[in-house]
Amino acid sequence: MKYFERILPHICIILSGMLLVFFVIDRFNQKMGFMENEGTKFIIFVLSISSVITSILLIQFQRKE
């Protein structure tokens, strides 16, 4: 569980950075269609799940203090 708690914030940062890059690229070149891609939808799904889990773990950690 400790490994999971340590790696999850890093996953959120990496996925958020990827989505920001896709968003900027999509704004400059809309024909690339990054925000309409199935891979992007999967990244958004994984980011959402990992963010919820990170939030729950942070709330639990703060209650222990």
N, C-alpha and C. Protein backbone atom coordinates (compact mmCIF):
# COMPACT_ATOMS: atom_id res chain seq x y z
N MET A 1 0.83 -1.20 0.00
CA MET A 1 0.00 0.00 0.00
C MET A 1 0.87 1.25 0.00
N LYS A 2 2.01 1.21 0.68
CA LYS A 2 2.90 2.38 0.72
C LYS A 2 3.40 2.73 -0.68
N TYR A 3 3.73 1.69 -1.46
CA TYR A 3 4.21 1.93 -2.82
C TYR A 3 3.12 2.61 -3.64
N PHE A 4 1.89 2.15 -3.48
CA PHE A 4 0.76 2.72 -4.21
C PHE A 4 0.54 4.18 -3.82
N GLU A 5 0.67 4.48 -2.54
CA GLU A 5 0.50 5.87 -2.07
C GLU A 5 1.60 6.77 -2.61
N ARG A 6 2.78 6.24 -2.80
CA ARG A 6 3.89 7.05 -3.31
C ARG A 6 3.81 7.27 -4.82
N ILE A 7 3.36 6.28 -5.55
CA ILE A 7 3.37 6.35 -7.01
C ILE A 7 2.15 7.08 -7.57
N LEU A 8 1.04 7.05 -6.87
CA LEU A 8 -0.21 7.62 -7.39
C LEU A 8 -0.12 9.12 -7.68
N PRO A 9 0.46 9.95 -6.81
CA PRO A 9 0.58 11.37 -7.15
C PRO A 9 1.43 11.61 -8.41
N HIS A 10 2.45 10.79 -8.61
CA HIS A 10 3.28 10.92 -9.80
C HIS A 10 2.49 10.57 -11.06
N ILE A 11 1.64 9.56 -10.96
CA ILE A 11 0.79 9.20 -12.09
C ILE A 11 -0.14 10.35 -12.45
N CYS A 12 -0.71 10.99 -11.43
CA CYS A 12 -1.60 12.13 -11.67
C CYS A 12 -0.86 13.27 -12.36
N ILE A 13 0.35 13.56 -11.93
CA ILE A 13 1.13 14.64 -12.54
C ILE A 13 1.47 14.32 -14.00
N ILE A 14 1.89 13.10 -14.27
CA ILE A 14 2.25 12.71 -15.63
C ILE A 14 1.04 12.77 -16.55
N LEU A 15 -0.08 12.21 -16.11
CA LEU A 15 -1.28 12.21 -16.95
C LEU A 15 -1.81 13.63 -17.16
N SER A 16 -1.75 14.45 -16.14
CA SER A 16 -2.19 15.85 -16.29
C SER A 16 -1.31 16.59 -17.28
N GLY A 17 -0.02 16.36 -17.22
CA GLY A 17 0.90 16.98 -18.17
C GLY A 17 0.62 16.53 -19.59
N MET A 18 0.35 15.24 -19.77
CA MET A 18 0.02 14.73 -21.10
C MET A 18 -1.24 15.40 -21.64
N LEU A 19 -2.26 15.52 -20.81
CA LEU A 19 -3.50 16.13 -21.26
C LEU A 19 -3.32 17.60 -21.61
N LEU A 20 -2.50 18.31 -20.83
CA LEU A 20 -2.23 19.72 -21.15
C LEU A 20 -1.52 19.85 -22.50
N VAL A 21 -0.56 18.99 -22.76
CA VAL A 21 0.14 19.01 -24.05
C VAL A 21 -0.83 18.70 -25.18
N PHE A 22 -1.66 17.67 -25.00
CA PHE A 22 -2.64 17.33 -26.03
C PHE A 22 -3.60 18.48 -26.28
N PHE A 23 -4.01 19.16 -25.22
CA PHE A 23 -4.94 20.28 -25.36
C PHE A 23 -4.30 21.41 -26.15
N VAL A 24 -3.06 21.76 -25.83
CA VAL A 24 -2.38 22.86 -26.54
C VAL A 24 -2.15 22.48 -28.00
N ILE A 25 -1.69 21.26 -28.26
CA ILE A 25 -1.47 20.82 -29.64
C ILE A 25 -2.79 20.82 -30.41
N ASP A 26 -3.86 20.39 -29.76
CA ASP A 26 -5.16 20.34 -30.41
C ASP A 26 -5.66 21.74 -30.76
N ARG A 27 -5.32 22.74 -29.95
CA ARG A 27 -5.73 24.12 -30.23
C ARG A 27 -4.99 24.68 -31.45
N PHE A 28 -3.73 24.34 -31.61
CA PHE A 28 -2.95 24.83 -32.74
C PHE A 28 -3.21 24.05 -34.02
N ASN A 29 -3.46 22.76 -33.91
CA ASN A 29 -3.69 21.92 -35.08
C ASN A 29 -4.88 21.01 -34.79
N GLN A 30 -6.07 21.50 -35.07
CA GLN A 30 -7.29 20.77 -34.74
C GLN A 30 -7.47 19.52 -35.59
N LYS A 31 -6.80 19.45 -36.72
CA LYS A 31 -6.94 18.26 -37.57
C LYS A 31 -6.28 17.02 -36.96
N MET A 32 -5.37 17.23 -35.99
CA MET A 32 -4.74 16.09 -35.33
C MET A 32 -5.77 15.33 -34.49
N GLY A 33 -6.75 16.04 -33.95
CA GLY A 33 -7.84 15.40 -33.22
C GLY A 33 -7.44 14.70 -31.95
N PHE A 34 -6.51 15.27 -31.19
CA PHE A 34 -6.05 14.62 -29.95
C PHE A 34 -7.18 14.49 -28.92
N MET A 35 -8.04 15.49 -28.83
CA MET A 35 -9.08 15.46 -27.82
C MET A 35 -10.26 14.58 -28.24
N GLU A 36 -10.25 14.06 -29.44
CA GLU A 36 -11.30 13.16 -29.91
C GLU A 36 -10.83 11.72 -29.99
N ASN A 37 -9.57 11.49 -29.68
CA ASN A 37 -8.94 10.18 -29.81
C ASN A 37 -9.37 9.27 -28.66
N GLU A 38 -9.50 7.97 -28.92
CA GLU A 38 -9.85 7.00 -27.88
C GLU A 38 -8.76 6.91 -26.81
N GLY A 39 -7.50 7.08 -27.22
CA GLY A 39 -6.40 7.05 -26.25
C GLY A 39 -6.50 8.20 -25.27
N THR A 40 -6.89 9.36 -25.75
CA THR A 40 -7.06 10.52 -24.87
C THR A 40 -8.20 10.29 -23.90
N LYS A 41 -9.27 9.69 -24.38
CA LYS A 41 -10.40 9.39 -23.50
C LYS A 41 -9.98 8.42 -22.39
N PHE A 42 -9.13 7.46 -22.74
CA PHE A 42 -8.63 6.52 -21.74
C PHE A 42 -7.75 7.23 -20.71
N ILE A 43 -6.90 8.16 -21.18
CA ILE A 43 -6.04 8.91 -20.26
C ILE A 43 -6.88 9.76 -19.32
N ILE A 44 -7.93 10.37 -19.83
CA ILE A 44 -8.83 11.16 -18.98
C ILE A 44 -9.49 10.27 -17.93
N PHE A 45 -9.91 9.07 -18.33
CA PHE A 45 -10.51 8.13 -17.39
C PHE A 45 -9.53 7.73 -16.29
N VAL A 46 -8.30 7.37 -16.68
CA VAL A 46 -7.29 6.95 -15.70
C VAL A 46 -6.94 8.12 -14.78
N LEU A 47 -6.81 9.32 -15.34
CA LEU A 47 -6.51 10.50 -14.52
C LEU A 47 -7.63 10.76 -13.52
N SER A 48 -8.87 10.61 -13.93
CA SER A 48 -9.99 10.84 -13.02
C SER A 48 -9.98 9.83 -11.87
N ILE A 49 -9.78 8.57 -12.19
CA ILE A 49 -9.75 7.53 -11.16
C ILE A 49 -8.58 7.75 -10.20
N SER A 50 -7.39 8.03 -10.75
CA SER A 50 -6.22 8.22 -9.89
C SER A 50 -6.36 9.49 -9.04
N SER A 51 -7.01 10.51 -9.55
CA SER A 51 -7.22 11.72 -8.76
C SER A 51 -8.18 11.46 -7.59
N VAL A 52 -9.22 10.70 -7.83
CA VAL A 52 -10.16 10.36 -6.76
C VAL A 52 -9.46 9.54 -5.68
N ILE A 53 -8.67 8.55 -6.09
CA ILE A 53 -7.96 7.72 -5.12
C ILE A 53 -6.94 8.55 -4.34
N THR A 54 -6.22 9.44 -5.03
CA THR A 54 -5.26 10.30 -4.35
C THR A 54 -5.96 11.19 -3.33
N SER A 55 -7.10 11.72 -3.68
CA SER A 55 -7.86 12.57 -2.76
C SER A 55 -8.30 11.80 -1.53
N ILE A 56 -8.78 10.58 -1.73
CA ILE A 56 -9.22 9.75 -0.61
C ILE A 56 -8.04 9.44 0.31
N LEU A 57 -6.90 9.08 -0.27
CA LEU A 57 -5.71 8.79 0.55
C LEU A 57 -5.24 10.03 1.31
N LEU A 58 -5.31 11.20 0.69
CA LEU A 58 -4.90 12.43 1.36
C LEU A 58 -5.84 12.75 2.52
N ILE A 59 -7.13 12.56 2.33
CA ILE A 59 -8.09 12.80 3.41
C ILE A 59 -7.83 11.85 4.57
N GLN A 60 -7.56 10.57 4.27
CA GLN A 60 -7.25 9.62 5.33
C GLN A 60 -5.97 10.00 6.06
N PHE A 61 -4.96 10.44 5.32
CA PHE A 61 -3.69 10.83 5.94
C PHE A 61 -3.88 12.04 6.85
N GLN A 62 -4.69 13.01 6.41
CA GLN A 62 -4.92 14.20 7.21
C GLN A 62 -5.73 13.91 8.45
N ARG A 63 -6.62 12.93 8.41
CA ARG A 63 -7.40 12.57 9.59
C ARG A 63 -6.55 11.87 10.65
N LYS A 64 -5.50 11.18 10.21
CA LYS A 64 -4.62 10.49 11.16
C LYS A 64 -3.79 11.48 11.97
N GLU A 65 -3.54 12.66 11.42
CA GLU A 65 -2.70 13.64 12.12
C GLU A 65 -3.42 14.35 13.21
